[in-house]
Amino acid sequence: MEAKKLAGEKAVEFVNDDMIVGLGTGSTVYWSILKLGELVKQGLNIKGVPTSKQTEQLAKELGIPLVNLSSIEQIDITIDGADETNPEFELIKGGGGALLREKMVASISKRMIVVMDETKYVASLGKFPLPVEVTQFGWEVTSKQVGTLGCEPKLRVKNNLPFITDNGNYILDCFFGKIHDAMELTQKLNMIPGVVENGLFVNIADSMVIGNGDGHVEILHK
């Protein structure tokens, strides 16, 4: 908790007046959003673009002014978490189920800052199951095709029912073991009909803010 809070709050130092800020989803960026809420009350002038209904709700409660993604061309900075990151600045995201909106927001951001605790920084991706968002229609067929890429897909379930994303889709959590070529895998996954998006973020993150259990924060730039 403390390491996440440290990283989340530190990342907010990259935010300046008059910025449009992508607001990520998850337990670490939660602290970034709380801090931004405080700064807005003190006079910071920003507009936020939320990546999930959950984040939108939190931002509204904190009084952070929001802007609709479809009404803007570019975002100055996005702060978001990750489930795994490697030294090449490649990420696995989607543990919270918001990967599609997170990737859309990150894709039009000038900078993406990833906040995490030290446990998320790994030598190679793949221990965390890769979330793949798929259409409800024919998801079993899509799952079989995803499985041919060398993983074991499992339909994400919540309260004994299939988990449904903010976009009305299902998520397959795919156990790949070690992912050797994240770019190749992301392209192969997204070629499968029925796959909406996958949780590999390649060539998107610019900086990582890593909170450590001993209280220090490490900042890495690509």
Protein backbone atom coordinates (compact mmCIF):
# COMPACT_ATOMS: atom_id res chain seq x y z
CA MET A 1 0.00 0.00 0.00
CA GLU A 2 2.69 2.50 1.05
CA ALA A 3 4.83 1.78 -2.04
CA LYS A 4 1.80 2.24 -4.31
CA LYS A 5 0.88 5.50 -2.58
CA LEU A 6 4.45 6.83 -2.95
CA ALA A 7 4.55 6.02 -6.66
CA GLY A 8 1.03 7.31 -7.31
CA GLU A 9 1.66 10.66 -5.62
CA LYS A 10 5.14 11.12 -7.13
CA ALA A 11 3.79 10.78 -10.69
CA VAL A 12 1.53 13.80 -10.17
CA GLU A 13 4.64 16.01 -10.14
CA PHE A 14 4.71 15.62 -13.95
CA VAL A 15 1.31 17.35 -14.24
CA ASN A 16 1.22 21.10 -14.93
CA ASP A 17 -1.49 23.75 -15.26
CA ASP A 18 -3.71 23.64 -18.35
CA MET A 19 -2.93 20.01 -19.14
CA ILE A 20 -5.38 17.39 -20.35
CA VAL A 21 -4.62 14.36 -18.17
CA GLY A 22 -5.50 10.73 -18.89
CA LEU A 23 -6.68 9.16 -15.63
CA GLY A 24 -5.88 5.46 -15.43
CA THR A 25 -7.62 2.71 -13.50
CA GLY A 26 -6.35 0.61 -10.60
CA SER A 27 -5.03 0.52 -7.06
CA THR A 28 -1.83 2.56 -7.62
CA VAL A 29 -3.19 5.29 -9.91
CA TYR A 30 -5.98 5.67 -7.34
CA TRP A 31 -3.42 7.57 -5.23
CA SER A 32 -2.50 9.77 -8.21
CA ILE A 33 -6.14 10.69 -8.71
CA LEU A 34 -6.61 11.48 -5.00
CA LYS A 35 -3.54 13.76 -5.14
CA LEU A 36 -4.81 15.46 -8.32
CA GLY A 37 -8.13 16.06 -6.55
CA GLU A 38 -6.29 17.83 -3.72
CA LEU A 39 -4.31 19.96 -6.18
CA VAL A 40 -7.44 20.90 -8.15
CA LYS A 41 -8.98 22.15 -4.89
CA GLN A 42 -5.82 24.25 -4.41
CA GLY A 43 -6.20 25.78 -7.86
CA LEU A 44 -4.53 23.40 -10.34
CA ASN A 45 -6.29 23.84 -13.68
CA ILE A 46 -6.54 20.52 -15.54
CA LYS A 47 -9.09 18.44 -17.41
CA GLY A 48 -9.20 14.68 -16.88
CA VAL A 49 -10.02 11.89 -19.32
CA PRO A 50 -11.10 8.79 -17.36
CA THR A 51 -10.31 5.27 -18.61
CA SER A 52 -13.19 3.54 -16.80
CA LYS A 53 -16.57 4.19 -15.20
CA GLN A 54 -14.90 3.53 -11.83
CA THR A 55 -12.28 6.25 -12.41
CA GLU A 56 -14.91 8.62 -13.78
CA GLN A 57 -16.92 8.23 -10.58
CA LEU A 58 -13.86 8.85 -8.37
CA ALA A 59 -12.80 11.93 -10.36
CA LYS A 60 -16.30 13.42 -10.14
CA GLU A 61 -16.37 12.87 -6.36
CA LEU A 62 -13.02 14.70 -6.08
CA GLY A 63 -14.15 17.61 -8.26
CA ILE A 64 -11.70 16.97 -11.11
CA PRO A 65 -13.20 18.50 -14.29
CA LEU A 66 -13.64 15.85 -16.98
CA VAL A 67 -13.65 16.00 -20.76
CA ASN A 68 -14.98 13.41 -23.20
CA LEU A 69 -12.39 11.46 -25.18
CA SER A 70 -14.26 12.07 -28.44
CA SER A 71 -14.05 15.86 -28.03
CA ILE A 72 -10.21 16.08 -27.95
CA GLU A 73 -7.37 15.42 -30.39
CA GLN A 74 -4.55 14.85 -27.93
CA ILE A 75 -3.84 14.23 -24.24
CA ASP A 76 -0.80 15.85 -22.63
CA ILE A 77 -0.03 13.12 -20.12
CA THR A 78 -1.61 9.87 -18.96
CA ILE A 79 -0.91 8.35 -15.57
CA ASP A 80 -1.82 4.68 -15.30
CA GLY A 81 -0.78 1.50 -13.53
CA ALA A 82 0.32 -1.89 -14.86
CA ASP A 83 0.12 -5.53 -13.85
CA GLU A 84 3.63 -6.21 -15.13
CA THR A 85 6.36 -4.10 -16.72
CA ASN A 86 9.77 -5.09 -18.06
CA PRO A 87 13.01 -3.12 -18.63
CA GLU A 88 11.96 -2.52 -22.28
CA PHE A 89 8.98 -0.47 -21.01
CA GLU A 90 6.53 -3.11 -22.27
CA LEU A 91 3.47 -3.62 -20.08
CA ILE A 92 0.72 -6.08 -19.33
CA LYS A 93 -2.47 -4.24 -18.36
CA GLY A 94 -6.10 -5.20 -17.92
CA GLY A 95 -6.19 -6.88 -14.51
CA GLY A 96 -8.96 -4.41 -13.66
CA GLY A 97 -10.69 -4.96 -16.99
CA ALA A 98 -10.22 -1.46 -18.46
CA LEU A 99 -7.54 -2.29 -21.04
CA LEU A 100 -9.40 -1.12 -24.17
CA ARG A 101 -10.19 2.36 -22.85
CA GLU A 102 -6.75 2.57 -21.23
CA LYS A 103 -5.06 1.82 -24.55
CA MET A 104 -7.26 4.27 -26.46
CA VAL A 105 -6.40 7.05 -24.01
CA ALA A 106 -2.69 6.17 -23.94
CA SER A 107 -2.55 6.05 -27.76
CA ILE A 108 -3.30 9.78 -28.10
CA SER A 109 -1.15 10.86 -25.14
CA LYS A 110 2.10 12.78 -25.62
CA ARG A 111 3.47 10.96 -22.55
CA MET A 112 2.44 7.92 -20.56
CA ILE A 113 3.69 7.61 -17.00
CA VAL A 114 3.29 4.16 -15.45
CA VAL A 115 2.95 3.97 -11.67
CA MET A 116 3.58 0.75 -9.75
CA ASP A 117 5.18 -0.87 -6.77
CA GLU A 118 8.42 -2.83 -7.14
CA THR A 119 6.62 -6.22 -7.37
CA LYS A 120 5.26 -5.29 -10.83
CA TYR A 121 8.72 -4.70 -12.34
CA VAL A 122 9.86 -8.03 -13.82
CA ALA A 123 12.65 -9.32 -16.06
CA SER A 124 10.20 -10.74 -18.60
CA LEU A 125 6.44 -10.50 -19.10
CA GLY A 126 4.01 -13.39 -18.92
CA LYS A 127 3.77 -14.66 -15.37
CA PHE A 128 0.69 -12.45 -15.00
CA PRO A 129 -2.03 -13.81 -17.32
CA LEU A 130 -2.51 -11.56 -20.35
CA PRO A 131 -6.05 -10.11 -20.51
CA VAL A 132 -7.63 -10.26 -23.97
CA GLU A 133 -10.95 -8.45 -24.48
CA VAL A 134 -13.30 -10.37 -26.79
CA THR A 135 -16.85 -9.98 -28.09
CA GLN A 136 -19.51 -11.98 -26.27
CA PHE A 137 -20.68 -13.38 -29.61
CA GLY A 138 -18.84 -16.60 -30.36
CA TRP A 139 -16.31 -16.06 -27.59
CA GLU A 140 -15.67 -19.83 -27.36
CA VAL A 141 -14.49 -19.82 -31.00
CA THR A 142 -12.28 -16.79 -30.34
CA SER A 143 -10.88 -18.47 -27.23
CA LYS A 144 -9.85 -21.58 -29.22
CA GLN A 145 -8.08 -19.40 -31.79
CA VAL A 146 -6.30 -17.41 -29.09
CA GLY A 147 -5.21 -20.74 -27.56
CA THR A 148 -3.40 -21.70 -30.77
CA LEU A 149 -0.88 -18.92 -30.03
CA GLY A 150 0.49 -20.95 -27.12
CA CYS A 151 -1.58 -20.06 -24.09
CA GLU A 152 -4.38 -21.39 -21.95
CA PRO A 153 -7.25 -18.86 -22.12
CA LYS A 154 -9.72 -18.72 -19.22
CA LEU A 155 -12.94 -16.74 -19.30
CA ARG A 156 -12.84 -14.15 -16.49
CA VAL A 157 -15.66 -14.72 -14.01
CA LYS A 158 -17.02 -12.46 -11.27
CA ASN A 159 -19.72 -13.57 -8.79
CA ASN A 160 -20.13 -16.82 -10.78
CA LEU A 161 -20.99 -14.89 -13.96
CA PRO A 162 -18.77 -13.85 -16.89
CA PHE A 163 -17.04 -10.54 -16.11
CA ILE A 164 -18.32 -7.83 -18.47
CA THR A 165 -16.17 -4.83 -19.37
CA ASP A 166 -17.38 -1.22 -19.52
CA ASN A 167 -17.71 -1.85 -23.27
CA GLY A 168 -19.98 -4.90 -22.87
CA ASN A 169 -17.31 -7.47 -23.77
CA TYR A 170 -15.79 -10.53 -22.08
CA ILE A 171 -12.16 -10.98 -21.00
CA LEU A 172 -10.01 -14.05 -21.55
CA ASP A 173 -7.09 -14.30 -19.11
CA CYS A 174 -4.35 -16.03 -21.08
CA PHE A 175 -1.46 -17.85 -19.41
CA PHE A 176 1.50 -17.62 -21.80
CA GLY A 177 4.36 -18.24 -19.41
CA LYS A 178 7.23 -16.14 -20.76
CA ILE A 179 6.35 -13.69 -23.56
CA HIS A 180 9.39 -13.44 -25.84
CA ASP A 181 8.15 -10.97 -28.47
CA ALA A 182 5.42 -8.70 -27.18
CA MET A 183 4.99 -6.79 -30.45
CA GLU A 184 4.57 -9.94 -32.52
CA LEU A 185 2.10 -11.40 -30.02
CA THR A 186 0.01 -8.23 -29.87
CA GLN A 187 -0.27 -8.20 -33.67
CA LYS A 188 -1.20 -11.89 -33.87
CA LEU A 189 -3.85 -11.53 -31.16
CA ASN A 190 -5.44 -8.49 -32.74
CA MET A 191 -5.68 -10.28 -36.11
CA ILE A 192 -8.09 -12.84 -34.62
CA PRO A 193 -11.74 -11.99 -35.41
CA GLY A 194 -13.60 -11.49 -32.14
CA VAL A 195 -10.56 -10.06 -30.31
CA VAL A 196 -11.33 -6.43 -29.52
CA GLU A 197 -7.97 -5.58 -27.90
CA ASN A 198 -5.27 -7.17 -25.76
CA GLY A 199 -3.45 -6.00 -22.64
CA LEU A 200 0.06 -5.76 -24.11
CA PHE A 201 1.20 -2.13 -24.24
CA VAL A 202 4.24 -1.93 -26.54
CA ASN A 203 6.00 1.33 -27.50
CA ILE A 204 3.48 3.30 -25.44
CA ALA A 205 4.98 3.96 -21.98
CA ASP A 206 7.57 6.74 -21.65
CA SER A 207 8.37 6.77 -17.93
CA MET A 208 7.96 4.45 -14.97
CA VAL A 209 7.55 5.56 -11.37
CA ILE A 210 8.30 2.62 -9.06
CA GLY A 211 7.54 2.79 -5.35
CA ASN A 212 9.70 0.58 -3.13
CA GLY A 213 8.88 -0.95 0.23
CA ASP A 214 11.80 0.89 1.87
CA GLY A 215 10.19 4.25 1.04
CA HIS A 216 12.19 5.42 -1.97
CA VAL A 217 10.78 6.04 -5.42
CA GLU A 218 12.66 5.19 -8.59
CA ILE A 219 11.89 7.03 -11.83
CA LEU A 220 12.95 5.45 -15.12
CA HIS A 221 12.71 7.17 -18.51
CA LYS A 222 12.73 5.39 -21.85
